[in-house]
C-alpha atoms as a PDB file:
ATOM      1  CA  MET A   1     311.808 -14.542  17.871  1.00  0.00           C
ATOM      2  CA  THR A   2     310.934 -13.434  21.384  1.00  0.00           C
ATOM      3  CA  LEU A   3     307.373 -12.253  21.962  1.00  0.00           C
ATOM      4  CA  ILE A   4     306.824  -9.964  24.922  1.00  0.00           C
ATOM      5  CA  GLY A   5     303.304  -8.944  25.856  1.00  0.00           C
ATOM      6  CA  ALA A   6     302.224  -6.424  28.471  1.00  0.00           C
ATOM      7  CA  THR A   7     298.768  -5.989  29.924  1.00  0.00           C
ATOM      8  CA  THR A   8     297.169  -4.203  32.841  1.00  0.00           C
ATOM      9  CA  GLU A   9     294.768  -7.158  33.199  1.00  0.00           C
ATOM     10  CA  ASN A  10     295.432 -10.438  34.985  1.00  0.00           C
ATOM     11  CA  PRO A  11     296.469 -12.948  32.278  1.00  0.00           C
ATOM     12  CA  SER A  12     294.475 -15.631  34.102  1.00  0.00           C
ATOM     13  CA  PHE A  13     291.332 -13.864  32.909  1.00  0.00           C
ATOM     14  CA  GLU A  14     292.480 -12.428  29.578  1.00  0.00           C
ATOM     15  CA  VAL A  15     294.822 -15.019  27.991  1.00  0.00           C
ATOM     16  CA  ILE A  16     293.620 -18.450  26.853  1.00  0.00           C
ATOM     17  CA  PRO A  17     295.086 -21.356  28.906  1.00  0.00           C
ATOM     18  CA  PRO A  18     296.976 -23.032  25.979  1.00  0.00           C
ATOM     19  CA  LEU A  19     298.868 -19.806  25.296  1.00  0.00           C
ATOM     20  CA  LEU A  20     299.377 -19.010  28.977  1.00  0.00           C
ATOM     21  CA  SER A  21     300.895 -22.465  29.611  1.00  0.00           C
ATOM     22  CA  ARG A  22     303.585 -21.716  27.005  1.00  0.00           C
ATOM     23  CA  CYS A  23     304.502 -18.350  28.489  1.00  0.00           C
ATOM     24  CA  ARG A  24     306.537 -17.196  31.438  1.00  0.00           C
ATOM     25  CA  VAL A  25     304.540 -14.634  33.387  1.00  0.00           C
ATOM     26  CA  TYR A  26     306.235 -11.775  35.225  1.00  0.00           C
ATOM     27  CA  VAL A  27     304.200  -9.666  37.627  1.00  0.00           C
ATOM     28  CA  LEU A  28     304.928  -5.935  37.573  1.00  0.00           C
ATOM     29  CA  GLU A  29     303.810  -4.414  40.855  1.00  0.00           C
ATOM     30  CA  ALA A  30     302.138  -1.013  41.138  1.00  0.00           C
ATOM     31  CA  LEU A  31     304.521   1.948  41.283  1.00  0.00           C
ATOM     32  CA  THR A  32     305.416   3.165  44.753  1.00  0.00           C
ATOM     33  CA  ALA A  33     305.352   6.788  45.880  1.00  0.00           C
ATOM     34  CA  ASP A  34     309.156   6.934  45.492  1.00  0.00           C
ATOM     35  CA  ASN A  35     308.870   5.638  41.920  1.00  0.00           C
ATOM     36  CA  LEU A  36     306.309   8.299  41.088  1.00  0.00           C
ATOM     37  CA  GLN A  37     308.466  11.006  42.698  1.00  0.00           C
ATOM     38  CA  THR A  38     311.369   9.969  40.468  1.00  0.00           C
ATOM     39  CA  ILE A  39     309.177  10.065  37.359  1.00  0.00           C
ATOM     40  CA  LEU A  40     307.790  13.470  38.352  1.00  0.00           C
ATOM     41  CA  ASP A  41     311.261  14.947  38.914  1.00  0.00           C
ATOM     42  CA  HIS A  42     312.493  13.528  35.612  1.00  0.00           C
ATOM     43  CA  ALA A  43     309.574  15.081  33.750  1.00  0.00           C
ATOM     44  CA  LEU A  44     310.065  18.497  35.350  1.00  0.00           C
ATOM     45  CA  ASN A  45     313.825  18.517  34.686  1.00  0.00           C
ATOM     46  CA  HIS A  46     314.183  16.716  31.345  1.00  0.00           C
ATOM     47  CA  ASP A  47     310.899  16.873  29.420  1.00  0.00           C
ATOM     48  CA  ALA A  48     311.315  18.867  26.207  1.00  0.00           C
ATOM     49  CA  VAL A  49     308.423  21.179  27.098  1.00  0.00           C
ATOM     50  CA  LEU A  50     308.058  21.133  30.889  1.00  0.00           C
ATOM     51  CA  SER A  51     311.786  21.681  31.542  1.00  0.00           C
ATOM     52  CA  THR A  52     311.606  25.068  29.756  1.00  0.00           C
ATOM     53  CA  ARG A  53     309.109  26.418  32.289  1.00  0.00           C
ATOM     54  CA  GLN A  54     309.502  27.452  35.913  1.00  0.00           C
ATOM     55  CA  ILE A  55     307.236  24.864  37.550  1.00  0.00           C
ATOM     56  CA  THR A  56     306.919  24.241  41.268  1.00  0.00           C
ATOM     57  CA  VAL A  57     304.632  21.505  42.599  1.00  0.00           C
ATOM     58  CA  THR A  58     303.675  22.681  46.073  1.00  0.00           C
ATOM     59  CA  ASP A  59     301.316  19.776  46.860  1.00  0.00           C
ATOM     60  CA  ARG A  60     303.104  16.672  45.651  1.00  0.00           C
ATOM     61  CA  GLU A  61     301.197  14.319  47.959  1.00  0.00           C
ATOM     62  CA  ARG A  62     297.912  15.393  46.352  1.00  0.00           C
ATOM     63  CA  LEU A  63     299.292  14.836  42.885  1.00  0.00           C
ATOM     64  CA  LEU A  64     300.575  11.350  43.735  1.00  0.00           C
ATOM     65  CA  MET A  65     297.361  10.380  45.486  1.00  0.00           C
ATOM     66  CA  LEU A  66     295.085  11.448  42.639  1.00  0.00           C
ATOM     67  CA  SER A  67     297.204   9.596  40.091  1.00  0.00           C
ATOM     68  CA  GLY A  68     296.267   6.307  41.784  1.00  0.00           C
ATOM     69  CA  GLY A  69     299.768   4.833  41.346  1.00  0.00           C
ATOM     70  CA  ASP A  70     299.549   5.219  37.552  1.00  0.00           C
ATOM     71  CA  ALA A  71     302.509   7.032  35.962  1.00  0.00           C
ATOM     72  CA  ARG A  72     300.558   7.868  32.805  1.00  0.00           C
ATOM     73  CA  SER A  73     297.797   9.428  34.887  1.00  0.00           C
ATOM     74  CA  LEU A  74     300.431  11.318  36.885  1.00  0.00           C
ATOM     75  CA  LEU A  75     302.064  12.811  33.769  1.00  0.00           C
ATOM     76  CA  ASN A  76     298.768  13.633  32.061  1.00  0.00           C
ATOM     77  CA  GLY A  77     297.503  15.288  35.226  1.00  0.00           C
ATOM     78  CA  LEU A  78     300.742  17.227  35.620  1.00  0.00           C
ATOM     79  CA  GLU A  79     300.560  18.550  32.057  1.00  0.00           C
ATOM     80  CA  THR A  80     296.904  19.525  32.419  1.00  0.00           C
ATOM     81  CA  ALA A  81     297.564  21.271  35.742  1.00  0.00           C
ATOM     82  CA  VAL A  82     300.381  23.266  34.141  1.00  0.00           C
ATOM     83  CA  ARG A  83     298.066  24.426  31.363  1.00  0.00           C
ATOM     84  CA  ILE A  84     295.447  25.473  33.901  1.00  0.00           C
ATOM     85  CA  ALA A  85     298.005  27.379  35.993  1.00  0.00           C
ATOM     86  CA  GLU A  86     299.447  29.141  32.924  1.00  0.00           C
ATOM     87  CA  GLN A  87     296.066  30.758  32.259  1.00  0.00           C
ATOM     88  CA  THR A  88     296.833  33.216  35.056  1.00  0.00           C
ATOM     89  CA  GLY A  89     299.624  34.662  32.911  1.00  0.00           C
ATOM     90  CA  ALA A  90     302.250  34.301  35.634  1.00  0.00           C
ATOM     91  CA  GLU A  91     305.766  33.494  34.464  1.00  0.00           C
ATOM     92  CA  ALA A  92     306.396  31.008  37.312  1.00  0.00           C
ATOM     93  CA  VAL A  93     303.886  28.158  37.552  1.00  0.00           C
ATOM     94  CA  GLN A  94     302.738  27.121  41.021  1.00  0.00           C
ATOM     95  CA  LEU A  95     300.823  23.818  41.187  1.00  0.00           C
ATOM     96  CA  GLY A  96     298.875  23.677  44.424  1.00  0.00           C
ATOM     97  CA  ARG A  97     295.826  21.732  45.503  1.00  0.00           C
ATOM     98  CA  ALA A  98     293.398  23.866  43.451  1.00  0.00           C
ATOM     99  CA  GLU A  99     295.243  23.405  40.150  1.00  0.00           C
ATOM    100  CA  ILE A 100     295.808  19.677  40.721  1.00  0.00           C
ATOM    101  CA  ASP A 101     292.167  19.029  41.693  1.00  0.00           C
ATOM    102  CA  ALA A 102     290.984  20.968  38.650  1.00  0.00           C
ATOM    103  CA  ALA A 103     293.202  18.846  36.407  1.00  0.00           C
ATOM    104  CA  PHE A 104     292.139  15.446  37.751  1.00  0.00           C
ATOM    105  CA  GLN A 105     288.504  16.203  38.682  1.00  0.00           C
ATOM    106  CA  ARG A 106     288.559  12.919  40.634  1.00  0.00           C
ATOM    107  CA  LYS A 107     290.965  10.247  41.810  1.00  0.00           C
ATOM    108  CA  THR A 108     291.888   7.492  39.366  1.00  0.00           C
ATOM    109  CA  THR A 109     290.461   4.293  40.853  1.00  0.00           C
ATOM    110  CA  ARG A 110     292.111   0.942  40.162  1.00  0.00           C
ATOM    111  CA  TYR A 111     289.061  -1.236  39.762  1.00  0.00           C
ATOM    112  CA  ASP A 112     287.835  -3.497  36.979  1.00  0.00           C
ATOM    113  CA  ASN A 113     284.360  -4.963  37.241  1.00  0.00           C
ATOM    114  CA  GLY A 114     285.297  -8.168  35.464  1.00  0.00           C
ATOM    115  CA  GLY A 115     288.982  -8.576  36.251  1.00  0.00           C
ATOM    116  CA  GLU A 116     291.385  -9.277  39.070  1.00  0.00           C
ATOM    117  CA  GLU A 117     290.693  -6.196  41.207  1.00  0.00           C
ATOM    118  CA  HIS A 118     286.993  -7.074  41.231  1.00  0.00           C
ATOM    119  CA  TYR A 119     287.774 -10.464  42.773  1.00  0.00           C
ATOM    120  CA  ASN A 120     290.551  -9.165  45.031  1.00  0.00           C
ATOM    121  CA  ILE A 121     288.438  -6.456  46.612  1.00  0.00           C
ATOM    122  CA  ILE A 122     285.247  -8.475  47.067  1.00  0.00           C
ATOM    123  CA  SER A 123     287.432 -11.155  48.690  1.00  0.00           C
ATOM    124  CA  ALA A 124     288.951  -8.569  51.038  1.00  0.00           C
ATOM    125  CA  PHE A 125     285.455  -7.284  51.858  1.00  0.00           C
ATOM    126  CA  ILE A 126     284.065 -10.730  52.676  1.00  0.00           C
ATOM    127  CA  LYS A 127     287.096 -11.693  54.761  1.00  0.00           C
ATOM    128  CA  SER A 128     286.854  -8.396  56.679  1.00  0.00           C
ATOM    129  CA  VAL A 129     283.198  -9.032  57.558  1.00  0.00           C
ATOM    130  CA  ARG A 130     284.002 -12.644  58.486  1.00  0.00           C
ATOM    131  CA  GLY A 131     286.880 -11.351  60.610  1.00  0.00           C
ATOM    132  CA  SER A 132     284.548  -8.959  62.523  1.00  0.00           C
ATOM    133  CA  ASP A 133     286.280  -5.773  61.323  1.00  0.00           C
ATOM    134  CA  PRO A 134     283.517  -3.294  60.352  1.00  0.00           C
ATOM    135  CA  ASP A 135     286.047  -0.562  59.569  1.00  0.00           C
ATOM    136  CA  ALA A 136     287.877  -2.642  56.970  1.00  0.00           C
ATOM    137  CA  ALA A 137     284.551  -3.886  55.584  1.00  0.00           C
ATOM    138  CA  VAL A 138     283.315  -0.339  54.980  1.00  0.00           C
ATOM    139  CA  TYR A 139     286.634   0.659  53.396  1.00  0.00           C
ATOM    140  CA  TRP A 140     286.587  -2.199  50.860  1.00  0.00           C
ATOM    141  CA  MET A 141     282.914  -1.542  50.165  1.00  0.00           C
ATOM    142  CA  ALA A 142     283.734   2.097  49.472  1.00  0.00           C
ATOM    143  CA  ARG A 143     286.465   0.985  47.048  1.00  0.00           C
ATOM    144  CA  MET A 144     283.941  -1.120  45.149  1.00  0.00           C
ATOM    145  CA  LEU A 145     281.273   1.576  45.049  1.00  0.00           C
ATOM    146  CA  ASP A 146     283.777   4.235  43.985  1.00  0.00           C
ATOM    147  CA  GLY A 147     284.960   1.936  41.207  1.00  0.00           C
ATOM    148  CA  GLY A 148     281.437   1.569  39.825  1.00  0.00           C
ATOM    149  CA  GLU A 149     280.539  -1.863  41.189  1.00  0.00           C
ATOM    150  CA  ASP A 150     276.868  -2.875  40.986  1.00  0.00           C
ATOM    151  CA  PRO A 151     275.493  -2.295  44.531  1.00  0.00           C
ATOM    152  CA  LYS A 152     273.172  -5.292  44.108  1.00  0.00           C
ATOM    153  CA  PHE A 153     276.218  -7.521  43.602  1.00  0.00           C
ATOM    154  CA  ILE A 154     277.513  -6.419  47.014  1.00  0.00           C
ATOM    155  CA  ALA A 155     274.080  -6.982  48.560  1.00  0.00           C
ATOM    156  CA  ARG A 156     273.861 -10.488  47.083  1.00  0.00           C
ATOM    157  CA  ARG A 157     277.253 -11.399  48.493  1.00  0.00           C
ATOM    158  CA  MET A 158     276.139 -10.248  51.964  1.00  0.00           C
ATOM    159  CA  ILE A 159     273.087 -12.550  51.776  1.00  0.00           C
ATOM    160  CA  VAL A 160     275.376 -15.539  51.224  1.00  0.00           C
ATOM    161  CA  LEU A 161     277.786 -14.338  53.895  1.00  0.00           C
ATOM    162  CA  ALA A 162     274.983 -13.919  56.456  1.00  0.00           C
ATOM    163  CA  SER A 163     274.287 -17.666  56.294  1.00  0.00           C
ATOM    164  CA  GLU A 164     277.785 -18.964  55.637  1.00  0.00           C
ATOM    165  CA  ASP A 165     279.683 -16.985  58.272  1.00  0.00           C
ATOM    166  CA  ILE A 166     277.059 -15.885  60.824  1.00  0.00           C
ATOM    167  CA  GLY A 167     274.263 -18.413  60.558  1.00  0.00           C
ATOM    168  CA  ASN A 168     272.323 -19.157  63.728  1.00  0.00           C
ATOM    169  CA  ALA A 169     274.748 -17.229  65.897  1.00  0.00           C
ATOM    170  CA  ASP A 170     272.591 -14.262  64.821  1.00  0.00           C
ATOM    171  CA  PRO A 171     269.712 -15.388  62.557  1.00  0.00           C
ATOM    172  CA  TYR A 172     268.617 -11.754  62.110  1.00  0.00           C
ATOM    173  CA  GLY A 173     271.699 -11.210  59.954  1.00  0.00           C
ATOM    174  CA  LEU A 174     270.113 -13.098  57.057  1.00  0.00           C
ATOM    175  CA  THR A 175     266.853 -11.157  57.431  1.00  0.00           C
ATOM    176  CA  LEU A 176     268.748  -7.875  57.350  1.00  0.00           C
ATOM    177  CA  ALA A 177     270.809  -8.936  54.324  1.00  0.00           C
ATOM    178  CA  VAL A 178     267.703  -9.894  52.327  1.00  0.00           C
ATOM    179  CA  SER A 179     266.002  -6.629  53.327  1.00  0.00           C
ATOM    180  CA  THR A 180     269.137  -4.763  52.270  1.00  0.00           C
ATOM    181  CA  PHE A 181     269.003  -6.270  48.785  1.00  0.00           C
ATOM    182  CA  THR A 182     265.337  -5.266  48.451  1.00  0.00           C
ATOM    183  CA  ALA A 183     265.991  -1.746  49.728  1.00  0.00           C
ATOM    184  CA  VAL A 184     268.986  -1.282  47.398  1.00  0.00           C
ATOM    185  CA  ASP A 185     266.839  -2.423  44.478  1.00  0.00           C
ATOM    186  CA  TYR A 186     264.109   0.063  45.431  1.00  0.00           C
ATOM    187  CA  VAL A 187     266.318   3.053  46.218  1.00  0.00           C
ATOM    188  CA  GLY A 188     269.365   2.814  43.954  1.00  0.00           C
ATOM    189  CA  MET A 189     272.537   4.841  44.219  1.00  0.00           C
ATOM    190  CA  PRO A 190     273.762   7.067  45.749  1.00  0.00           C
ATOM    191  CA  GLU A 191     271.487   6.568  48.792  1.00  0.00           C
ATOM    192  CA  ALA A 192     271.886   2.781  48.582  1.00  0.00           C
ATOM    193  CA  ARG A 193     275.410   3.208  49.933  1.00  0.00           C
ATOM    194  CA  ILE A 194     273.927   4.044  53.349  1.00  0.00           C
ATOM    195  CA  ILE A 195     271.837   0.864  53.408  1.00  0.00           C
ATOM    196  CA  LEU A 196     274.802  -1.243  52.317  1.00  0.00           C
ATOM    197  CA  SER A 197     276.952   0.323  55.025  1.00  0.00           C
ATOM    198  CA  GLN A 198     274.336  -0.414  57.713  1.00  0.00           C
ATOM    199  CA  CYS A 199     274.174  -4.067  56.689  1.00  0.00           C
ATOM    200  CA  ALA A 200     277.938  -4.521  56.333  1.00  0.00           C
ATOM    201  CA  THR A 201     278.732  -2.987  59.724  1.00  0.00           C
ATOM    202  CA  TYR A 202     276.023  -5.074  61.429  1.00  0.00           C
ATOM    203  CA  LEU A 203     277.193  -8.328  59.856  1.00  0.00           C
ATOM    204  CA  ALA A 204     280.824  -7.537  60.664  1.00  0.00           C
ATOM    205  CA  SER A 205     279.926  -6.807  64.295  1.00  0.00           C
ATOM    206  CA  ALA A 206     277.671  -9.872  64.722  1.00  0.00           C
ATOM    207  CA  PRO A 207     278.815 -13.120  66.385  1.00  0.00           C
ATOM    208  CA  LYS A 208     280.097 -15.638  63.849  1.00  0.00           C
ATOM    209  CA  SER A 209     279.370 -19.284  63.099  1.00  0.00           C
ATOM    210  CA  ASN A 210     279.882 -21.477  60.045  1.00  0.00           C
ATOM    211  CA  ALA A 211     278.105 -24.455  61.660  1.00  0.00           C
ATOM    212  CA  ALA A 212     275.193 -24.393  59.191  1.00  0.00           C
ATOM    213  CA  TYR A 213     277.627 -24.252  56.260  1.00  0.00           C
ATOM    214  CA  ASN A 214     279.636 -27.185  57.638  1.00  0.00           C
ATOM    215  CA  ALA A 215     276.454 -29.180  58.336  1.00  0.00           C
ATOM    216  CA  ILE A 216     275.167 -29.116  54.742  1.00  0.00           C
ATOM    217  CA  SER A 217     278.675 -29.707  53.352  1.00  0.00           C
ATOM    218  CA  GLU A 218     279.156 -32.846  55.474  1.00  0.00           C
ATOM    219  CA  ALA A 219     275.640 -34.099  54.733  1.00  0.00           C
ATOM    220  CA  LEU A 220     276.194 -33.693  50.980  1.00  0.00           C
ATOM    221  CA  ASP A 221     279.482 -35.583  51.271  1.00  0.00           C
ATOM    222  CA  ASP A 222     277.641 -38.509  52.882  1.00  0.00           C
ATOM    223  CA  VAL A 223     274.861 -38.393  50.302  1.00  0.00           C
ATOM    224  CA  GLN A 224     277.308 -38.438  47.407  1.00  0.00           C
ATOM    225  CA  SER A 225     279.650 -41.065  48.841  1.00  0.00           C
ATOM    226  CA  SER A 226     277.088 -43.666  49.952  1.00  0.00           C
ATOM    227  CA  GLN A 227     274.095 -45.484  48.540  1.00  0.00           C
ATOM    228  CA  ASP A 228     270.633 -43.968  48.849  1.00  0.00           C
ATOM    229  CA  LEU A 229     269.554 -45.110  52.305  1.00  0.00           C
ATOM    230  CA  PRO A 230     265.828 -45.903  52.653  1.00  0.00           C
ATOM    231  CA  VAL A 231     263.522 -43.673  54.681  1.00  0.00           C
ATOM    232  CA  PRO A 232     262.585 -45.437  57.980  1.00  0.00           C
ATOM    233  CA  LEU A 233     259.063 -46.892  57.815  1.00  0.00           C
ATOM    234  CA  HIS A 234     257.758 -44.850  60.746  1.00  0.00           C
ATOM    235  CA  LEU A 235     258.681 -41.591  58.936  1.00  0.00           C
ATOM    236  CA  ARG A 236     256.848 -42.463  55.720  1.00  0.00           C
ATOM    237  CA  ASN A 237     253.379 -41.239  54.802  1.00  0.00           C
ATOM    238  CA  ALA A 238     250.661 -43.825  54.103  1.00  0.00           C
ATOM    239  CA  PRO A 239     248.253 -42.206  51.599  1.00  0.00           C
ATOM    240  CA  THR A 240     246.981 -45.610  50.361  1.00  0.00           C
ATOM    241  CA  GLY A 241     245.626 -48.718  52.090  1.00  0.00           C
ATOM    242  CA  LEU A 242     248.459 -50.836  50.737  1.00  0.00           C
ATOM    243  CA  MET A 243     251.079 -48.494  52.178  1.00  0.00           C
ATOM    244  CA  HIS A 244     249.302 -48.549  55.525  1.00  0.00           C
ATOM    245  CA  ALA A 245     249.223 -52.350  55.443  1.00  0.00           C
ATOM    246  CA  LEU A 246     252.940 -52.432  54.722  1.00  0.00           C
ATOM    247  CA  GLY A 247     253.607 -50.493  57.912  1.00  0.00           C
ATOM    248  CA  TYR A 248     254.189 -47.012  56.462  1.00  0.00           C
ATOM    249  CA  GLY A 249     253.941 -44.498  59.294  1.00  0.00           C
ATOM    250  CA  LYS A 250     253.467 -47.187  61.934  1.00  0.00           C
ATOM    251  CA  GLU A 251     254.821 -46.356  65.391  1.00  0.00           C
ATOM    252  CA  TYR A 252     255.497 -42.732  64.416  1.00  0.00           C
ATOM    253  CA  LYS A 253     255.352 -40.542  67.535  1.00  0.00           C
ATOM    254  CA  TYR A 254     253.722 -37.123  67.059  1.00  0.00           C
ATOM    255  CA  SER A 255     255.984 -34.644  68.866  1.00  0.00           C
ATOM    256  CA  HIS A 256     253.196 -32.290  69.933  1.00  0.00           C
ATOM    257  CA  ASP A 257     251.498 -35.069  71.912  1.00  0.00           C
ATOM    258  CA  HIS A 258     254.418 -35.264  74.329  1.00  0.00           C
ATOM    259  CA  PRO A 259     255.743 -32.987  77.117  1.00  0.00           C
ATOM    260  CA  GLY A 260     257.754 -30.080  75.804  1.00  0.00           C
ATOM    261  CA  HIS A 261     256.572 -30.958  72.273  1.00  0.00           C
ATOM    262  CA  PHE A 262     259.436 -33.424  71.978  1.00  0.00           C
ATOM    263  CA  VAL A 263     259.839 -37.187  71.980  1.00  0.00           C
ATOM    264  CA  GLU A 264     263.001 -39.083  71.216  1.00  0.00           C
ATOM    265  CA  GLN A 265     262.835 -41.303  68.132  1.00  0.00           C
ATOM    266  CA  ARG A 266     265.059 -42.143  65.160  1.00  0.00           C
ATOM    267  CA  TYR A 267     264.961 -39.739  62.212  1.00  0.00           C
ATOM    268  CA  LEU A 268     268.173 -40.618  60.375  1.00  0.00           C
ATOM    269  CA  PRO A 269     268.215 -43.698  58.132  1.00  0.00           C
ATOM    270  CA  GLU A 270     269.713 -46.994  59.236  1.00  0.00           C
ATOM    271  CA  GLY A 271     273.489 -46.755  59.040  1.00  0.00           C
ATOM    272  CA  LEU A 272     273.662 -43.091  60.043  1.00  0.00           C
ATOM    273  CA  THR A 273     272.078 -43.382  63.494  1.00  0.00           C
ATOM    274  CA  GLY A 274     273.787 -40.994  65.885  1.00  0.00           C
ATOM    275  CA  LYS A 275     275.507 -39.072  63.087  1.00  0.00           C
ATOM    276  CA  ILE A 276     276.102 -35.391  63.893  1.00  0.00           C
ATOM    277  CA  TYR A 277     276.254 -32.782  61.134  1.00  0.00           C
ATOM    278  CA  TYR A 278     275.203 -29.620  62.935  1.00  0.00           C
ATOM    279  CA  ARG A 279     277.603 -28.491  65.655  1.00  0.00           C
ATOM    280  CA  PRO A 280     276.477 -25.150  67.109  1.00  0.00           C
ATOM    281  CA  THR A 281     279.223 -22.882  68.390  1.00  0.00           C
ATOM    282  CA  ASP A 282     279.472 -20.958  71.658  1.00  0.00           C
ATOM    283  CA  ASN A 283     278.772 -17.677  69.846  1.00  0.00           C
ATOM    284  CA  GLY A 284     275.576 -15.639  70.074  1.00  0.00           C
ATOM    285  CA  ARG A 285     272.240 -17.438  69.839  1.00  0.00           C
ATOM    286  CA  GLU A 286     273.912 -20.708  68.851  1.00  0.00           C
ATOM    287  CA  LYS A 287     275.072 -21.263  72.412  1.00  0.00           C
ATOM    288  CA  GLU A 288     271.412 -21.537  73.478  1.00  0.00           C
ATOM    289  CA  VAL A 289     270.678 -23.794  70.490  1.00  0.00           C
ATOM    290  CA  ARG A 290     273.524 -26.148  71.423  1.00  0.00           C
ATOM    291  CA  GLU A 291     272.457 -26.332  75.063  1.00  0.00           C
ATOM    292  CA  ARG A 292     268.865 -27.170  74.063  1.00  0.00           C
ATOM    293  CA  LEU A 293     269.921 -29.851  71.582  1.00  0.00           C
ATOM    294  CA  ASN A 294     272.216 -31.441  74.173  1.00  0.00           C
ATOM    295  CA  ARG A 295     269.311 -31.554  76.640  1.00  0.00           C
ATOM    296  CA  LEU A 296     266.984 -33.122  74.079  1.00  0.00           C
ATOM    297  CA  TRP A 297     269.534 -35.600  72.712  1.00  0.00           C
ATOM    298  CA  PRO A 298     271.818 -36.561  75.620  1.00  0.00           C
ATOM    299  CA  GLY A 299     273.287 -39.447  73.628  1.00  0.00           C
ATOM    300  CA  ARG A 300     274.317 -37.144  70.780  1.00  0.00           C
ATOM    301  CA  LYS A 301     276.555 -34.523  72.392  1.00  0.00           C
ATOM    302  CA  ARG A 302     277.587 -31.629  70.195  1.00  0.00           C
END
């Protein structure tokens, strides 16, 4: 027995792993415009009902576009448009933009809030912002909003992106992203689309840096791959007499008592002295940050 299953969903999300591992998966790509043209011509010339009528589709591009690459939607829309046009009583049926728009009401959007298209499109959106392309970012955002995506999900993703991909190159990006989430929560759709667009275009146009993201990732790697290194004595608090007697806080230098509110001393634990996690880029505000850190710590060039 050969079992063949077909689904419009990605099997990775809809089929349990034990079953999926025993199957061979074939990917059927979306129908092209030429495929849809062939299906449309076949329906007009060979369908038991449609072939008996004099039907001319004068705006084929509109019909194909509104079907969203779905042959079933194409054929259903075609049949509905024919019924609408026949109400005029004319013997020959002309399907123009008006009849086609009346049949579809709106374009069929390929989007599933919990499936593959959800992840594909949010990935394209994030990569477009990271790649400094505001036009692509707005397009993918529009796809999500048109497909019914929760606008607060998009706003949350931009908060993460503002730190991960922009960081201190433009610290205002994070402030704007957080404000965007609050504003979207207050306002709701459809006006929230304007706020989301403002934030997305700003973040896409801002200078980029993933230095903060890399810094915490490298620090966590060191924390998880080494023993817990003790805090240097001069950095410890001494709330009790015993702690003070043991040298807690001894020889700590208070930064504000020194010129420029800075004094060089060791803050990392023994064994990590001189370690660099944060490497500011040349982009935006981070260039100034890097230059200042290099002046303060000449032995720790970034």
